[in-house]
Amino acid sequence: MKLDQIGIWSETKLEIIKKYAGAYTTVLSKQTTWCKGYAYIDAFAGAGMHISKTKC
């Protein structure tokens, strides 16, 4: 499998999404009357695994 090399901008995006998804999941988990499930779709996610350019 070929892995994408990502820069600091992508690492920052991933950190923001990680924090946002954690908080959003907490909120949605308490909404049992109308929310039966949810999904996050990132159309620009790449391969799902990566190599950091800054940590090489």
C-alpha atoms as a PDB file:
ATOM      1  CA  MET A   1       0.000   0.000   0.000  1.00  0.00           C
ATOM      2  CA  LYS A   2       1.283   3.432  -0.923  1.00  0.00           C
ATOM      3  CA  LEU A   3       1.035   5.915   1.944  1.00  0.00           C
ATOM      4  CA  ASP A   4       0.522   9.641   1.487  1.00  0.00           C
ATOM      5  CA  GLN A   5       3.099  12.035   2.904  1.00  0.00           C
ATOM      6  CA  ILE A   6       1.299  14.829   4.724  1.00  0.00           C
ATOM      7  CA  GLY A   7       2.481  18.203   5.918  1.00  0.00           C
ATOM      8  CA  ILE A   8       1.692  20.276   8.978  1.00  0.00           C
ATOM      9  CA  TRP A   9      -1.581  21.580   7.467  1.00  0.00           C
ATOM     10  CA  SER A  10      -2.975  18.038   7.240  1.00  0.00           C
ATOM     11  CA  GLU A  11      -1.701  17.124  10.703  1.00  0.00           C
ATOM     12  CA  THR A  12      -3.453  20.215  12.091  1.00  0.00           C
ATOM     13  CA  LYS A  13      -6.670  19.269  10.272  1.00  0.00           C
ATOM     14  CA  LEU A  14      -6.547  15.748  11.696  1.00  0.00           C
ATOM     15  CA  GLU A  15      -6.030  17.063  15.240  1.00  0.00           C
ATOM     16  CA  ILE A  16      -8.980  19.460  14.888  1.00  0.00           C
ATOM     17  CA  ILE A  17     -11.226  16.700  13.537  1.00  0.00           C
ATOM     18  CA  LYS A  18     -10.166  14.352  16.348  1.00  0.00           C
ATOM     19  CA  LYS A  19     -11.116  16.903  19.029  1.00  0.00           C
ATOM     20  CA  TYR A  20     -14.312  17.962  17.257  1.00  0.00           C
ATOM     21  CA  ALA A  21     -15.461  14.372  16.684  1.00  0.00           C
ATOM     22  CA  GLY A  22     -14.927  13.518  20.351  1.00  0.00           C
ATOM     23  CA  ALA A  23     -17.024  16.458  21.534  1.00  0.00           C
ATOM     24  CA  TYR A  24     -19.706  15.941  18.888  1.00  0.00           C
ATOM     25  CA  THR A  25     -19.958  12.225  19.698  1.00  0.00           C
ATOM     26  CA  THR A  26     -20.541  13.080  23.357  1.00  0.00           C
ATOM     27  CA  VAL A  27     -23.381  15.440  22.439  1.00  0.00           C
ATOM     28  CA  LEU A  28     -25.010  13.062  19.947  1.00  0.00           C
ATOM     29  CA  SER A  29     -24.824  10.080  22.276  1.00  0.00           C
ATOM     30  CA  LYS A  30     -27.255  11.883  24.602  1.00  0.00           C
ATOM     31  CA  GLN A  31     -29.768  12.575  21.786  1.00  0.00           C
ATOM     32  CA  THR A  32     -31.438   9.163  21.787  1.00  0.00           C
ATOM     33  CA  THR A  33     -34.898  10.461  20.895  1.00  0.00           C
ATOM     34  CA  TRP A  34     -34.031  11.659  17.398  1.00  0.00           C
ATOM     35  CA  CYS A  35     -30.477  10.531  16.655  1.00  0.00           C
ATOM     36  CA  LYS A  36     -30.188   6.808  16.003  1.00  0.00           C
ATOM     37  CA  GLY A  37     -26.702   6.972  14.496  1.00  0.00           C
ATOM     38  CA  TYR A  38     -24.280   9.233  12.705  1.00  0.00           C
ATOM     39  CA  ALA A  39     -21.291   9.134  10.376  1.00  0.00           C
ATOM     40  CA  TYR A  40     -18.476  11.515   9.533  1.00  0.00           C
ATOM     41  CA  ILE A  41     -17.379  11.487   5.911  1.00  0.00           C
ATOM     42  CA  ASP A  42     -14.198  13.261   4.865  1.00  0.00           C
ATOM     43  CA  ALA A  43     -14.082  13.436   1.075  1.00  0.00           C
ATOM     44  CA  PHE A  44     -10.444  14.538   1.223  1.00  0.00           C
ATOM     45  CA  ALA A  45      -9.139  11.933   3.687  1.00  0.00           C
ATOM     46  CA  GLY A  46      -6.686  10.220   1.360  1.00  0.00           C
ATOM     47  CA  ALA A  47      -5.684   6.608   1.977  1.00  0.00           C
ATOM     48  CA  GLY A  48      -6.552   6.632   5.687  1.00  0.00           C
ATOM     49  CA  MET A  49      -2.919   6.065   6.705  1.00  0.00           C
ATOM     50  CA  HIS A  50      -0.077   8.494   6.195  1.00  0.00           C
ATOM     51  CA  ILE A  51       3.568   9.342   6.723  1.00  0.00           C
ATOM     52  CA  SER A  52       4.318  12.662   8.398  1.00  0.00           C
ATOM     53  CA  LYS A  53       6.718  14.912   6.486  1.00  0.00           C
ATOM     54  CA  THR A  54       7.557  16.720   9.734  1.00  0.00           C
ATOM     55  CA  LYS A  55       8.391  13.569  11.711  1.00  0.00           C
ATOM     56  CA  CYS A  56      10.578  11.832   9.111  1.00  0.00           C
END
